[in-house]
Every structure is written in C-alpha cells, then in structure tokens.
Amino acid sequence: MAPVEFYFDPMCPWAYQTSRWIRTVRDHVELDITWRFFSLEAINHVDGKKWPWERAWSYGFSQMRIGAWLRREHGMEAIDRWYVAVGDAFHRRGVKTQDRDVHAALVADLGYPATTVDDAIADPTTTDLVRADHENAVGEYAAYGVPVIVRNGHALFGPNVAPAPEGDAAIRLWELVEGWWEFPHLYELRKPKTGADWGHIATVFSPYLDARDWETIERPVS
C-alpha cells in the first residue's frame, strides 16, 4: 500500500472536504493514510495572546489532543473514525464539537470510555504529540496551513476543493495530484476566486460558519 501522511486541523473546513475526498480515493486505490496534526491556532498565533497549549481548553488544539490520545491508545483506525465523526458533526451538521461536553458525548457515541476526553486533557503528553506533528509539518515541509498531504517525502498543500468529489471524479483528481508530485519544483497553481466562487464556498461551508465561535485569522504567506 502507498503510504500517505495527511496533516489536518479538525476545525478547518478545507481539510475536512479533502479528508472526505482522500477516503473515497482510499476505497479504490491502495493508500495507507497516517493522520497527523497541524494547529491553525499555533500557526496564526497573535503576539501577546496565550498559545493554545497554555490554555485549559483551546478550540482546535484540545480536540487534537483527544485525537492524539485515541491514536496512541487505539491506533490509526481510531483517529480515522474520530475525525470522520468530528468532521461530519461540525462541518456538515453545525454541531459545536469545540465544546468540551459536546465532544465528550461524541467520543462516547463512538464507543470509547466516557473518561476519554478528561484522560486526554489531563495527560500532558498529548500536548507533546500534537506539537510534534505540527512542528514536523512546519520544520520539515514549511507548512503554513492545511490540508497538507505528504507522499515519498514531498508535501502538497491541498487540494482545496468543496464539496469533495466522489466516484470517478475523486479518482481523476487523485491522478492529477499524483501528476503534480512528478514535478518537485512546481510550487503553485491557483484558481482566482470570483464573487460567485465565494458564494459557492459560503454555501458549502455554512454549517462551519454557523458553528464556529471565532473569527478566521490567516497568516500572510509569501
């Protein structure tokens, strides 16, 4: 099976759509996906404010600590199931998974112990696990956002697509992404977004926009 690393923040609507797409690809192509973390709160940190790991509970970072605990204690399949559940709840149904009690109920519905959230947050090593993934993405691949997909040591930001393509269209997009990996010095190809594009994106992301409790901050990228 072809190993692929997928960096995500569960709060990112683009990463969620791309995760749906790559799972569809996995159903048809032999992919071995390693789910890894990237903190948008850390990469977009504002001077003078606490880092996400310095807070008792942080919207995205603390959720990833729960994912890290599940990954360590129950394996990659567990974090896969968890990300599906969190993503579907937050990005499709507008459920506030950033609420600690809501998240605990979601994890319990997956069949994990009722103490999972408390155990994960009480364990300081879950912070270390999330930070290690994040710092690897930044240090090794110069990542500045998600989704980031790594194959054979080469990272790509994206593809950012909404909604996630399905069926033959999903496989065709995978073939195009594989083609990009053939050109290690192809750095960027972007489609400018028109007003109609932004309207489409807002419609697809409407559950996320309703459920979030923050304003989006993006660090400028050169």
C-alpha atoms as a PDB file:
ATOM      1  CA  MET A   1       0.000   0.000   0.000  1.00  0.00           C
ATOM      2  CA  ALA A   2       1.172   3.531  -0.765  1.00  0.00           C
ATOM      3  CA  PRO A   3       1.913   5.446   2.462  1.00  0.00           C
ATOM      4  CA  VAL A   4       0.427   8.947   2.690  1.00  0.00           C
ATOM      5  CA  GLU A   5       0.588  11.427   5.547  1.00  0.00           C
ATOM      6  CA  PHE A   6      -2.399  13.743   5.920  1.00  0.00           C
ATOM      7  CA  TYR A   7      -1.986  16.801   8.167  1.00  0.00           C
ATOM      8  CA  PHE A   8      -5.189  18.393   9.398  1.00  0.00           C
ATOM      9  CA  ASP A   9      -6.830  20.595  11.984  1.00  0.00           C
ATOM     10  CA  PRO A  10     -10.372  19.365  12.717  1.00  0.00           C
ATOM     11  CA  MET A  11     -11.624  22.961  12.654  1.00  0.00           C
ATOM     12  CA  CYS A  12     -10.505  23.555   9.055  1.00  0.00           C
ATOM     13  CA  PRO A  13     -13.356  23.212   6.527  1.00  0.00           C
ATOM     14  CA  TRP A  14     -10.932  22.763   3.610  1.00  0.00           C
ATOM     15  CA  ALA A  15      -9.067  19.946   5.344  1.00  0.00           C
ATOM     16  CA  TYR A  16     -12.380  18.268   6.143  1.00  0.00           C
ATOM     17  CA  GLN A  17     -13.501  18.283   2.498  1.00  0.00           C
ATOM     18  CA  THR A  18     -10.112  16.984   1.377  1.00  0.00           C
ATOM     19  CA  SER A  19     -10.241  14.228   4.006  1.00  0.00           C
ATOM     20  CA  ARG A  20     -13.591  13.088   2.591  1.00  0.00           C
ATOM     21  CA  TRP A  21     -12.059  13.017  -0.868  1.00  0.00           C
ATOM     22  CA  ILE A  22      -8.958  11.054   0.115  1.00  0.00           C
ATOM     23  CA  ARG A  23     -11.075   8.458   1.933  1.00  0.00           C
ATOM     24  CA  THR A  24     -13.004   7.954  -1.293  1.00  0.00           C
ATOM     25  CA  VAL A  25      -9.691   7.528  -3.104  1.00  0.00           C
ATOM     26  CA  ARG A  26      -8.589   5.026  -0.471  1.00  0.00           C
ATOM     27  CA  ASP A  27     -11.634   2.903  -1.260  1.00  0.00           C
ATOM     28  CA  HIS A  28     -10.333   2.450  -4.830  1.00  0.00           C
ATOM     29  CA  VAL A  29      -6.557   2.883  -4.540  1.00  0.00           C
ATOM     30  CA  GLU A  30      -4.350   1.135  -2.006  1.00  0.00           C
ATOM     31  CA  LEU A  31      -3.469   4.009   0.321  1.00  0.00           C
ATOM     32  CA  ASP A  32      -2.174   3.728   3.868  1.00  0.00           C
ATOM     33  CA  ILE A  33      -3.120   7.062   5.468  1.00  0.00           C
ATOM     34  CA  THR A  34      -1.315   8.337   8.547  1.00  0.00           C
ATOM     35  CA  TRP A  35      -3.396  11.110  10.142  1.00  0.00           C
ATOM     36  CA  ARG A  36      -1.245  13.844  11.643  1.00  0.00           C
ATOM     37  CA  PHE A  37      -1.974  17.159  13.319  1.00  0.00           C
ATOM     38  CA  PHE A  38      -1.424  20.775  12.368  1.00  0.00           C
ATOM     39  CA  SER A  39      -2.570  23.631  14.602  1.00  0.00           C
ATOM     40  CA  LEU A  40      -4.112  26.629  12.889  1.00  0.00           C
ATOM     41  CA  GLU A  41      -4.250  28.333  16.290  1.00  0.00           C
ATOM     42  CA  ALA A  42      -0.479  27.986  16.588  1.00  0.00           C
ATOM     43  CA  ILE A  43       0.428  28.998  13.037  1.00  0.00           C
ATOM     44  CA  ASN A  44      -1.830  32.069  13.285  1.00  0.00           C
ATOM     45  CA  HIS A  45      -0.803  32.950  16.840  1.00  0.00           C
ATOM     46  CA  VAL A  46      -1.165  36.619  17.749  1.00  0.00           C
ATOM     47  CA  ASP A  47       1.601  38.182  19.833  1.00  0.00           C
ATOM     48  CA  GLY A  48       0.557  38.846  23.397  1.00  0.00           C
ATOM     49  CA  LYS A  49      -2.035  36.075  23.495  1.00  0.00           C
ATOM     50  CA  LYS A  50      -1.631  32.646  25.063  1.00  0.00           C
ATOM     51  CA  TRP A  51      -0.500  29.764  22.910  1.00  0.00           C
ATOM     52  CA  PRO A  52      -3.174  27.099  22.505  1.00  0.00           C
ATOM     53  CA  TRP A  53      -1.294  24.647  24.730  1.00  0.00           C
ATOM     54  CA  GLU A  54      -1.197  27.269  27.506  1.00  0.00           C
ATOM     55  CA  ARG A  55      -4.987  27.324  27.794  1.00  0.00           C
ATOM     56  CA  ALA A  56      -7.072  24.897  29.835  1.00  0.00           C
ATOM     57  CA  TRP A  57      -9.169  24.286  26.720  1.00  0.00           C
ATOM     58  CA  SER A  58      -8.461  25.504  23.202  1.00  0.00           C
ATOM     59  CA  TYR A  59     -10.970  25.052  20.376  1.00  0.00           C
ATOM     60  CA  GLY A  60      -8.895  23.127  17.856  1.00  0.00           C
ATOM     61  CA  PHE A  61      -5.751  22.195  19.763  1.00  0.00           C
ATOM     62  CA  SER A  62      -7.569  20.480  22.624  1.00  0.00           C
ATOM     63  CA  GLN A  63      -9.653  18.453  20.196  1.00  0.00           C
ATOM     64  CA  MET A  64      -6.439  17.278  18.557  1.00  0.00           C
ATOM     65  CA  ARG A  65      -5.130  16.227  21.969  1.00  0.00           C
ATOM     66  CA  ILE A  66      -8.138  13.903  22.184  1.00  0.00           C
ATOM     67  CA  GLY A  67      -7.370  12.615  18.699  1.00  0.00           C
ATOM     68  CA  ALA A  68      -3.739  12.081  19.704  1.00  0.00           C
ATOM     69  CA  TRP A  69      -4.813  10.068  22.732  1.00  0.00           C
ATOM     70  CA  LEU A  70      -7.056   7.888  20.582  1.00  0.00           C
ATOM     71  CA  ARG A  71      -4.312   7.412  18.001  1.00  0.00           C
ATOM     72  CA  ARG A  72      -1.821   6.326  20.651  1.00  0.00           C
ATOM     73  CA  GLU A  73      -4.167   4.139  22.680  1.00  0.00           C
ATOM     74  CA  HIS A  74      -6.292   2.604  19.920  1.00  0.00           C
ATOM     75  CA  GLY A  75      -4.371   3.027  16.663  1.00  0.00           C
ATOM     76  CA  MET A  76      -4.807   4.809  13.354  1.00  0.00           C
ATOM     77  CA  GLU A  77      -8.273   3.390  12.725  1.00  0.00           C
ATOM     78  CA  ALA A  78      -9.489   5.088  15.902  1.00  0.00           C
ATOM     79  CA  ILE A  79      -8.342   8.545  14.861  1.00  0.00           C
ATOM     80  CA  ASP A  80      -9.784   7.940  11.401  1.00  0.00           C
ATOM     81  CA  ARG A  81     -13.201   7.187  12.924  1.00  0.00           C
ATOM     82  CA  TRP A  82     -12.882  10.122  15.305  1.00  0.00           C
ATOM     83  CA  TYR A  83     -12.043  12.587  12.509  1.00  0.00           C
ATOM     84  CA  VAL A  84     -14.999  11.357  10.461  1.00  0.00           C
ATOM     85  CA  ALA A  85     -17.305  11.860  13.451  1.00  0.00           C
ATOM     86  CA  VAL A  86     -15.926  15.278  14.393  1.00  0.00           C
ATOM     87  CA  GLY A  87     -15.856  16.460  10.802  1.00  0.00           C
ATOM     88  CA  ASP A  88     -19.360  15.314   9.960  1.00  0.00           C
ATOM     89  CA  ALA A  89     -20.754  16.822  13.161  1.00  0.00           C
ATOM     90  CA  PHE A  90     -19.015  20.185  12.876  1.00  0.00           C
ATOM     91  CA  HIS A  91     -18.764  20.774   9.137  1.00  0.00           C
ATOM     92  CA  ARG A  92     -21.994  19.128   7.962  1.00  0.00           C
ATOM     93  CA  ARG A  93     -24.405  19.467  10.874  1.00  0.00           C
ATOM     94  CA  GLY A  94     -23.075  22.572  12.614  1.00  0.00           C
ATOM     95  CA  VAL A  95     -22.527  20.787  15.953  1.00  0.00           C
ATOM     96  CA  LYS A  96     -20.168  22.708  18.224  1.00  0.00           C
ATOM     97  CA  THR A  97     -17.577  19.989  18.760  1.00  0.00           C
ATOM     98  CA  GLN A  98     -15.284  22.649  20.242  1.00  0.00           C
ATOM     99  CA  ASP A  99     -17.497  22.467  23.337  1.00  0.00           C
ATOM    100  CA  ARG A 100     -15.845  20.051  25.743  1.00  0.00           C
ATOM    101  CA  ASP A 101     -19.061  18.364  26.902  1.00  0.00           C
ATOM    102  CA  VAL A 102     -20.326  18.025  23.334  1.00  0.00           C
ATOM    103  CA  HIS A 103     -17.043  16.461  22.325  1.00  0.00           C
ATOM    104  CA  ALA A 104     -17.148  14.041  25.230  1.00  0.00           C
ATOM    105  CA  ALA A 105     -20.598  12.877  24.127  1.00  0.00           C
ATOM    106  CA  LEU A 106     -19.366  12.429  20.562  1.00  0.00           C
ATOM    107  CA  VAL A 107     -16.430  10.284  21.707  1.00  0.00           C
ATOM    108  CA  ALA A 108     -18.727   8.205  23.894  1.00  0.00           C
ATOM    109  CA  ASP A 109     -21.013   7.626  20.902  1.00  0.00           C
ATOM    110  CA  LEU A 110     -18.002   6.130  19.117  1.00  0.00           C
ATOM    111  CA  GLY A 111     -17.783   3.516  21.856  1.00  0.00           C
ATOM    112  CA  TYR A 112     -14.753   4.832  23.732  1.00  0.00           C
ATOM    113  CA  PRO A 113     -14.683   5.226  27.531  1.00  0.00           C
ATOM    114  CA  ALA A 114     -16.674   8.118  28.992  1.00  0.00           C
ATOM    115  CA  THR A 115     -13.470   9.405  30.587  1.00  0.00           C
ATOM    116  CA  THR A 116     -11.588   9.688  27.262  1.00  0.00           C
ATOM    117  CA  VAL A 117     -11.759  13.472  26.979  1.00  0.00           C
ATOM    118  CA  ASP A 118     -10.776  14.020  30.612  1.00  0.00           C
ATOM    119  CA  ASP A 119      -7.965  11.465  30.329  1.00  0.00           C
ATOM    120  CA  ALA A 120      -6.601  13.069  27.164  1.00  0.00           C
ATOM    121  CA  ILE A 121      -6.646  16.609  28.549  1.00  0.00           C
ATOM    122  CA  ALA A 122      -5.159  15.542  31.901  1.00  0.00           C
ATOM    123  CA  ASP A 123      -2.257  13.848  30.100  1.00  0.00           C
ATOM    124  CA  PRO A 124       0.438  16.429  29.196  1.00  0.00           C
ATOM    125  CA  THR A 125       1.997  14.060  26.679  1.00  0.00           C
ATOM    126  CA  THR A 126      -0.981  14.567  24.353  1.00  0.00           C
ATOM    127  CA  THR A 127       0.167  18.179  24.017  1.00  0.00           C
ATOM    128  CA  ASP A 128       3.611  16.885  23.096  1.00  0.00           C
ATOM    129  CA  LEU A 129       2.162  14.592  20.435  1.00  0.00           C
ATOM    130  CA  VAL A 130       0.174  17.345  18.732  1.00  0.00           C
ATOM    131  CA  ARG A 131       3.037  19.819  18.905  1.00  0.00           C
ATOM    132  CA  ALA A 132       5.460  17.250  17.490  1.00  0.00           C
ATOM    133  CA  ASP A 133       3.256  16.686  14.448  1.00  0.00           C
ATOM    134  CA  HIS A 134       2.725  20.410  13.962  1.00  0.00           C
ATOM    135  CA  GLU A 135       6.399  21.279  14.318  1.00  0.00           C
ATOM    136  CA  ASN A 136       7.363  18.494  11.926  1.00  0.00           C
ATOM    137  CA  ALA A 137       4.981  19.869   9.300  1.00  0.00           C
ATOM    138  CA  VAL A 138       6.368  23.393   9.717  1.00  0.00           C
ATOM    139  CA  GLY A 139      10.016  22.433  10.050  1.00  0.00           C
ATOM    140  CA  GLU A 140      10.227  19.626   7.502  1.00  0.00           C
ATOM    141  CA  TYR A 141       7.739  20.816   4.892  1.00  0.00           C
ATOM    142  CA  ALA A 142       7.379  24.574   5.552  1.00  0.00           C
ATOM    143  CA  ALA A 143       3.634  24.023   6.026  1.00  0.00           C
ATOM    144  CA  TYR A 144       1.549  27.126   6.669  1.00  0.00           C
ATOM    145  CA  GLY A 145      -1.952  25.663   6.603  1.00  0.00           C
ATOM    146  CA  VAL A 146      -3.967  22.544   5.930  1.00  0.00           C
ATOM    147  CA  PRO A 147      -4.688  20.205   4.294  1.00  0.00           C
ATOM    148  CA  VAL A 148      -1.128  19.037   3.661  1.00  0.00           C
ATOM    149  CA  ILE A 149      -0.562  15.673   2.007  1.00  0.00           C
ATOM    150  CA  VAL A 150       2.882  14.072   2.042  1.00  0.00           C
ATOM    151  CA  ARG A 151       3.969  11.222  -0.178  1.00  0.00           C
ATOM    152  CA  ASN A 152       7.519   9.935  -0.669  1.00  0.00           C
ATOM    153  CA  GLY A 153       8.848  12.873   1.321  1.00  0.00           C
ATOM    154  CA  HIS A 154       7.171  15.526  -0.846  1.00  0.00           C
ATOM    155  CA  ALA A 155       4.378  17.705   0.545  1.00  0.00           C
ATOM    156  CA  LEU A 156       1.492  19.423  -1.203  1.00  0.00           C
ATOM    157  CA  PHE A 157      -0.870  21.993   0.277  1.00  0.00           C
ATOM    158  CA  GLY A 158      -4.338  20.943  -0.835  1.00  0.00           C
ATOM    159  CA  PRO A 159      -6.113  20.079  -2.991  1.00  0.00           C
ATOM    160  CA  ASN A 160      -8.643  22.572  -1.661  1.00  0.00           C
ATOM    161  CA  VAL A 161     -11.937  21.515  -3.168  1.00  0.00           C
ATOM    162  CA  ALA A 162     -15.507  21.984  -1.975  1.00  0.00           C
ATOM    163  CA  PRO A 163     -17.516  19.888  -1.947  1.00  0.00           C
ATOM    164  CA  ALA A 164     -15.363  16.772  -2.011  1.00  0.00           C
ATOM    165  CA  PRO A 165     -15.609  14.966  -5.359  1.00  0.00           C
ATOM    166  CA  GLU A 166     -16.911  11.426  -5.328  1.00  0.00           C
ATOM    167  CA  GLY A 167     -16.711   8.337  -7.503  1.00  0.00           C
ATOM    168  CA  ASP A 168     -14.757   8.616 -10.739  1.00  0.00           C
ATOM    169  CA  ALA A 169     -14.240  12.347 -10.190  1.00  0.00           C
ATOM    170  CA  ALA A 170     -12.398  11.635  -6.922  1.00  0.00           C
ATOM    171  CA  ILE A 171     -10.070   9.188  -8.663  1.00  0.00           C
ATOM    172  CA  ARG A 172      -9.443  11.618 -11.506  1.00  0.00           C
ATOM    173  CA  LEU A 173      -8.445  14.326  -9.027  1.00  0.00           C
ATOM    174  CA  TRP A 174      -6.071  11.863  -7.344  1.00  0.00           C
ATOM    175  CA  GLU A 175      -4.463  11.170 -10.717  1.00  0.00           C
ATOM    176  CA  LEU A 176      -3.929  14.901 -11.209  1.00  0.00           C
ATOM    177  CA  VAL A 177      -2.402  15.243  -7.743  1.00  0.00           C
ATOM    178  CA  GLU A 178      -0.085  12.319  -8.462  1.00  0.00           C
ATOM    179  CA  GLY A 179       0.959  14.152 -11.627  1.00  0.00           C
ATOM    180  CA  TRP A 180       1.916  17.198  -9.580  1.00  0.00           C
ATOM    181  CA  TRP A 181       4.270  15.052  -7.492  1.00  0.00           C
ATOM    182  CA  GLU A 182       6.214  14.322 -10.701  1.00  0.00           C
ATOM    183  CA  PHE A 183       7.382  17.970 -10.684  1.00  0.00           C
ATOM    184  CA  PRO A 184       9.152  18.709  -7.393  1.00  0.00           C
ATOM    185  CA  HIS A 185       9.747  22.335  -8.371  1.00  0.00           C
ATOM    186  CA  LEU A 186       6.160  23.077  -9.353  1.00  0.00           C
ATOM    187  CA  TYR A 187       5.269  25.301  -6.416  1.00  0.00           C
ATOM    188  CA  GLU A 188       1.875  26.806  -7.038  1.00  0.00           C
ATOM    189  CA  LEU A 189      -1.170  26.645  -9.282  1.00  0.00           C
ATOM    190  CA  ARG A 190      -4.226  28.556  -8.095  1.00  0.00           C
ATOM    191  CA  LYS A 191      -7.645  29.412  -9.414  1.00  0.00           C
ATOM    192  CA  PRO A 192      -8.656  33.018  -8.607  1.00  0.00           C
ATOM    193  CA  LYS A 193     -11.973  33.129  -6.726  1.00  0.00           C
ATOM    194  CA  THR A 194     -14.761  35.254  -8.205  1.00  0.00           C
ATOM    195  CA  GLY A 195     -17.730  36.554  -6.271  1.00  0.00           C
ATOM    196  CA  ALA A 196     -19.693  33.539  -7.453  1.00  0.00           C
ATOM    197  CA  ASP A 197     -16.931  31.256  -6.166  1.00  0.00           C
ATOM    198  CA  TRP A 198     -17.027  32.872  -2.719  1.00  0.00           C
ATOM    199  CA  GLY A 199     -20.809  32.480  -2.687  1.00  0.00           C
ATOM    200  CA  HIS A 200     -20.458  28.787  -3.521  1.00  0.00           C
ATOM    201  CA  ILE A 201     -17.848  28.307  -0.801  1.00  0.00           C
ATOM    202  CA  ALA A 202     -20.018  30.091   1.757  1.00  0.00           C
ATOM    203  CA  THR A 203     -22.917  27.772   0.911  1.00  0.00           C
ATOM    204  CA  VAL A 204     -20.805  24.606   1.262  1.00  0.00           C
ATOM    205  CA  PHE A 205     -19.222  25.893   4.488  1.00  0.00           C
ATOM    206  CA  SER A 206     -22.430  27.265   6.045  1.00  0.00           C
ATOM    207  CA  PRO A 207     -22.588  24.681   8.900  1.00  0.00           C
ATOM    208  CA  TYR A 208     -18.984  25.522   9.800  1.00  0.00           C
ATOM    209  CA  LEU A 209     -19.639  29.266   9.649  1.00  0.00           C
ATOM    210  CA  ASP A 210     -22.652  28.880  11.944  1.00  0.00           C
ATOM    211  CA  ALA A 211     -20.909  26.586  14.436  1.00  0.00           C
ATOM    212  CA  ARG A 212     -17.562  28.333  14.883  1.00  0.00           C
ATOM    213  CA  ASP A 213     -17.008  30.605  17.893  1.00  0.00           C
ATOM    214  CA  TRP A 214     -14.111  32.576  16.425  1.00  0.00           C
ATOM    215  CA  GLU A 215     -13.083  34.813  13.559  1.00  0.00           C
ATOM    216  CA  THR A 216     -10.807  33.265  10.966  1.00  0.00           C
ATOM    217  CA  ILE A 217      -7.218  34.549  11.009  1.00  0.00           C
ATOM    218  CA  GLU A 218      -4.821  33.738   8.205  1.00  0.00           C
ATOM    219  CA  ARG A 219      -1.112  34.389   8.398  1.00  0.00           C
ATOM    220  CA  PRO A 220       0.110  36.062   5.194  1.00  0.00           C
ATOM    221  CA  VAL A 221       2.209  33.723   3.050  1.00  0.00           C
ATOM    222  CA  SER A 222       4.836  35.000   0.648  1.00  0.00           C
END
